[in-house]
Protein backbone atom coordinates (compact mmCIF):
# COMPACT_ATOMS: atom_id res chain seq x y z
CA UNK A 1 0.01 -0.08 0.02
CA UNK A 2 2.80 2.40 0.84
CA UNK A 3 4.61 1.53 -2.28
CA UNK A 4 1.35 2.71 -4.26
CA UNK A 5 1.06 5.81 -2.20
CA UNK A 6 4.54 7.03 -2.98
CA UNK A 7 4.41 5.87 -6.79
CA UNK A 8 1.45 8.15 -7.16
CA UNK A 9 3.02 10.99 -5.21
CA UNK A 10 6.05 10.71 -7.55
CA UNK A 11 3.59 10.73 -10.62
CA UNK A 12 1.99 13.99 -9.19
CA UNK A 13 5.32 15.65 -8.77
CA UNK A 14 6.42 14.57 -12.28
CA UNK A 15 3.41 16.29 -13.68
CA UNK A 16 3.89 19.41 -11.59
CA UNK A 17 7.37 19.68 -13.06
CA UNK A 18 5.86 19.30 -16.70
CA UNK A 19 3.10 21.73 -15.56
CA UNK A 20 5.85 24.35 -14.79
CA UNK A 21 7.66 23.68 -17.91
CA UNK A 22 4.52 24.48 -19.96
CA UNK A 23 4.14 27.69 -17.94
CA UNK A 24 7.72 28.69 -18.98
CA UNK A 25 6.98 28.17 -22.44
CA UNK A 26 3.72 30.51 -22.09
CA UNK A 27 5.88 32.98 -20.57
CA UNK A 28 8.50 32.80 -23.31
CA UNK A 29 6.00 33.39 -26.06
CA UNK A 30 4.45 35.91 -23.80
CA UNK A 31 7.67 37.84 -23.46
CA UNK A 32 8.37 37.63 -27.27
CA UNK A 33 4.72 38.97 -28.09
CA UNK A 34 5.57 42.09 -25.82
CA UNK A 35 9.07 42.58 -27.27
CA UNK A 36 7.26 42.48 -30.82
CA UNK A 37 4.56 45.09 -29.73
CA UNK A 38 7.22 47.34 -28.29
CA UNK A 39 9.36 47.33 -31.58
CA UNK A 40 6.66 46.87 -34.27
CA UNK A 41 3.10 47.68 -32.58
CA UNK A 42 0.42 44.90 -33.26
CA UNK A 43 1.68 42.83 -36.33
CA UNK A 44 1.49 39.46 -37.79
CA UNK A 45 4.08 38.31 -35.74
CA UNK A 46 2.36 39.58 -32.53
CA UNK A 47 -0.59 37.78 -33.53
CA UNK A 48 1.45 34.48 -34.02
CA UNK A 49 3.05 34.67 -30.63
CA UNK A 50 -0.23 35.54 -29.01
CA UNK A 51 -1.43 32.09 -30.50
CA UNK A 52 1.50 30.34 -29.24
CA UNK A 53 1.05 31.78 -25.85
CA UNK A 54 -2.62 30.49 -25.71
CA UNK A 55 -1.49 27.22 -27.02
CA UNK A 56 1.05 26.66 -24.11
CA UNK A 57 -1.38 28.12 -21.61
CA UNK A 58 -4.02 25.46 -22.59
CA UNK A 59 -1.50 22.90 -22.31
CA UNK A 60 -0.79 23.90 -18.83
CA UNK A 61 -4.30 23.80 -18.02
CA UNK A 62 -4.76 20.29 -19.31
CA UNK A 63 -1.71 19.20 -16.97
CA UNK A 64 -3.32 20.81 -14.04
CA UNK A 65 -6.54 18.81 -14.69
CA UNK A 66 -4.40 15.78 -15.01
CA UNK A 67 -2.78 16.40 -11.50
CA UNK A 68 -6.30 17.10 -9.91
CA UNK A 69 -7.76 13.85 -11.35
CA UNK A 70 -4.81 11.70 -9.97
CA UNK A 71 -4.91 13.55 -6.82
CA UNK A 72 -8.45 12.99 -6.15
CA UNK A 73 -8.02 9.29 -7.02
CA UNK A 74 -6.86 8.87 -3.28
CA UNK A 75 -3.24 9.44 -4.28
CA UNK A 76 -2.67 11.89 -1.56
CA UNK A 77 -4.10 12.70 1.82
CA UNK A 78 -6.61 15.59 1.87
CA UNK A 79 -4.47 18.12 3.51
CA UNK A 80 -1.78 17.61 0.82
CA UNK A 81 -4.26 17.73 -1.89
CA UNK A 82 -5.78 21.09 -0.65
CA UNK A 83 -2.34 22.50 -0.22
CA UNK A 84 -1.46 21.69 -3.88
CA UNK A 85 -4.90 22.75 -5.27
CA UNK A 86 -4.19 26.39 -3.52
CA UNK A 87 -0.78 26.38 -5.07
CA UNK A 88 -2.18 25.58 -8.63
CA UNK A 89 -4.82 28.08 -8.58
CA UNK A 90 -2.54 30.93 -7.35
CA UNK A 91 -0.09 30.00 -10.21
CA UNK A 92 -2.69 29.80 -12.88
CA UNK A 93 -3.58 33.39 -12.34
CA UNK A 94 -0.21 34.40 -14.01
CA UNK A 95 -0.70 32.86 -17.54
CA UNK A 96 -4.17 34.10 -17.34
CA UNK A 97 -2.64 37.51 -16.99
CA UNK A 98 -0.46 36.72 -19.93
CA UNK A 99 -3.29 35.90 -22.13
CA UNK A 100 -5.52 38.89 -20.94
CA UNK A 101 -2.96 41.54 -21.57
CA UNK A 102 -2.05 40.17 -25.05
CA UNK A 103 -5.85 40.07 -25.97
CA UNK A 104 -6.25 43.55 -24.63
CA UNK A 105 -3.31 44.90 -26.62
CA UNK A 106 -4.54 42.90 -29.99
CA UNK A 107 -8.24 43.80 -29.55
CA UNK A 108 -7.62 47.57 -28.88
CA UNK A 109 -4.73 47.80 -31.13
CA UNK A 110 -2.65 49.38 -28.46
CA UNK A 111 0.59 51.44 -29.22
CA UNK A 112 2.92 51.94 -26.23
CA UNK A 113 4.11 55.50 -26.70
CA UNK A 114 7.93 56.34 -26.78
CA UNK A 115 7.70 58.42 -23.66
CA UNK A 116 7.10 55.22 -21.42
CA UNK A 117 8.71 52.39 -23.72
CA UNK A 118 11.78 52.26 -21.12
CA UNK A 119 9.84 52.04 -18.17
CA UNK A 120 7.36 49.66 -19.65
CA UNK A 121 10.21 47.26 -20.91
CA UNK A 122 11.76 47.54 -17.38
CA UNK A 123 8.36 46.52 -15.77
CA UNK A 124 8.22 43.46 -17.85
CA UNK A 125 11.62 42.53 -17.50
CA UNK A 126 11.16 42.61 -13.76
CA UNK A 127 7.71 40.99 -13.86
CA UNK A 128 9.17 38.06 -15.93
CA UNK A 129 12.03 37.70 -13.37
CA UNK A 130 9.66 37.33 -10.40
CA UNK A 131 7.88 34.71 -12.26
CA UNK A 132 11.16 32.93 -13.07
CA UNK A 133 12.01 32.97 -9.34
CA UNK A 134 8.43 31.83 -8.31
CA UNK A 135 8.65 28.73 -10.42
CA UNK A 136 12.12 27.87 -9.15
CA UNK A 137 10.67 28.45 -5.65
CA UNK A 138 7.80 25.79 -6.41
CA UNK A 139 10.40 23.31 -7.91
CA UNK A 140 12.44 23.70 -4.38
CA UNK A 141 9.57 23.36 -2.43
CA UNK A 142 9.11 19.65 -3.86
CA UNK A 143 12.83 18.95 -3.28
CA UNK A 144 13.43 17.85 0.24
CA UNK A 145 15.63 20.15 2.19
CA UNK A 146 15.70 22.87 -0.30
CA UNK A 147 16.08 26.45 0.86
CA UNK A 148 13.68 29.13 -0.51
CA UNK A 149 14.46 32.04 2.02
CA UNK A 150 16.86 33.79 -0.51
CA UNK A 151 14.26 33.29 -3.67
CA UNK A 152 11.36 34.63 -1.55
CA UNK A 153 13.40 37.55 -0.44
CA UNK A 154 14.29 38.28 -4.45
CA UNK A 155 10.55 37.78 -5.19
CA UNK A 156 9.56 40.39 -2.52
CA UNK A 157 12.29 42.67 -3.87
CA UNK A 158 10.96 42.65 -7.60
CA UNK A 159 7.52 42.81 -6.62
CA UNK A 160 8.45 46.21 -4.67
CA UNK A 161 10.38 47.36 -7.92
CA UNK A 162 7.56 46.68 -10.16
CA UNK A 163 5.12 48.60 -7.91
CA UNK A 164 7.36 51.68 -7.98
CA UNK A 165 7.75 51.38 -11.87
CA UNK A 166 4.09 50.78 -12.45
CA UNK A 167 3.37 53.88 -10.26
CA UNK A 168 6.13 56.06 -12.26
CA UNK A 169 4.43 54.99 -15.40
CA UNK A 170 0.89 55.73 -14.64
CA UNK A 171 2.13 59.31 -13.36
CA UNK A 172 3.82 59.85 -16.72
CA UNK A 173 0.64 58.76 -18.70
CA UNK A 174 -1.62 61.02 -16.80
CA UNK A 175 0.91 64.01 -17.15
CA UNK A 176 1.16 63.49 -20.84
CA UNK A 177 -0.64 65.47 -23.23
CA UNK A 178 -2.46 62.53 -25.10
CA UNK A 179 -6.13 61.56 -25.66
CA UNK A 180 -7.83 60.92 -22.37
CA UNK A 181 -9.35 57.57 -23.54
CA UNK A 182 -5.81 56.42 -24.57
CA UNK A 183 -4.65 57.40 -20.86
CA UNK A 184 -7.25 55.13 -19.53
CA UNK A 185 -6.39 52.44 -22.04
CA UNK A 186 -2.76 52.62 -21.16
CA UNK A 187 -3.36 52.70 -17.50
CA UNK A 188 -5.29 49.35 -17.56
CA UNK A 189 -2.58 47.78 -19.66
CA UNK A 190 0.14 48.87 -17.26
CA UNK A 191 -2.11 47.68 -14.26
CA UNK A 192 -2.23 44.40 -15.71
CA UNK A 193 1.48 44.33 -16.11
CA UNK A 194 2.04 45.27 -12.57
CA UNK A 195 -0.28 42.45 -11.49
CA UNK A 196 2.22 39.59 -12.65
CA UNK A 197 4.58 40.34 -10.11
CA UNK A 198 1.83 40.81 -7.45
CA UNK A 199 0.79 37.45 -8.15
CA UNK A 200 4.12 35.82 -8.18
CA UNK A 201 4.57 37.08 -4.74
CA UNK A 202 1.18 35.76 -3.36
CA UNK A 203 2.40 32.13 -4.30
CA UNK A 204 2.73 30.05 -1.01
CA UNK A 205 6.41 29.83 0.07
CA UNK A 206 5.79 26.88 2.61
């Protein structure tokens, strides 16, 4: 019976690692789409990369469903199932933000003005770094004896840095001489960008 239990546990851990790999691919295409948007605005390349982002986000969803099915097949004790479910639910908000942000840019044909381009690029880079650290943190949680104190500290630092950049960008947007509706569009876009690091910081660290 114990051998069966540990076998199922190892299967769940393997699926979680695959889930994180799919998230990394989702993040990769999301980052490439935003880089394209910054350089070219919305284009055919942007549309293609948005589709790829959705493809790997859907693959991650399928793996999450597979993890749930295996867990609720009595592979883990209820307390462990609940911990993993909370973890996955918090993580999956991040690829959803990726998709929502890309669809917003695509549907509204948003162009990022030159006066905030460097700050937006800095916000995205810091946000993606916090996601990388978060996924490393989750992997470390499943490795016995792994320390995450430094990872958590770095995620907190990135989140604070992102908050500062986000507020600075929004101030610049509303101080600029541009159309009021465009200001609201850009503020919403930047708020979604800032939410990425917030979500990475919310992932449990125990």
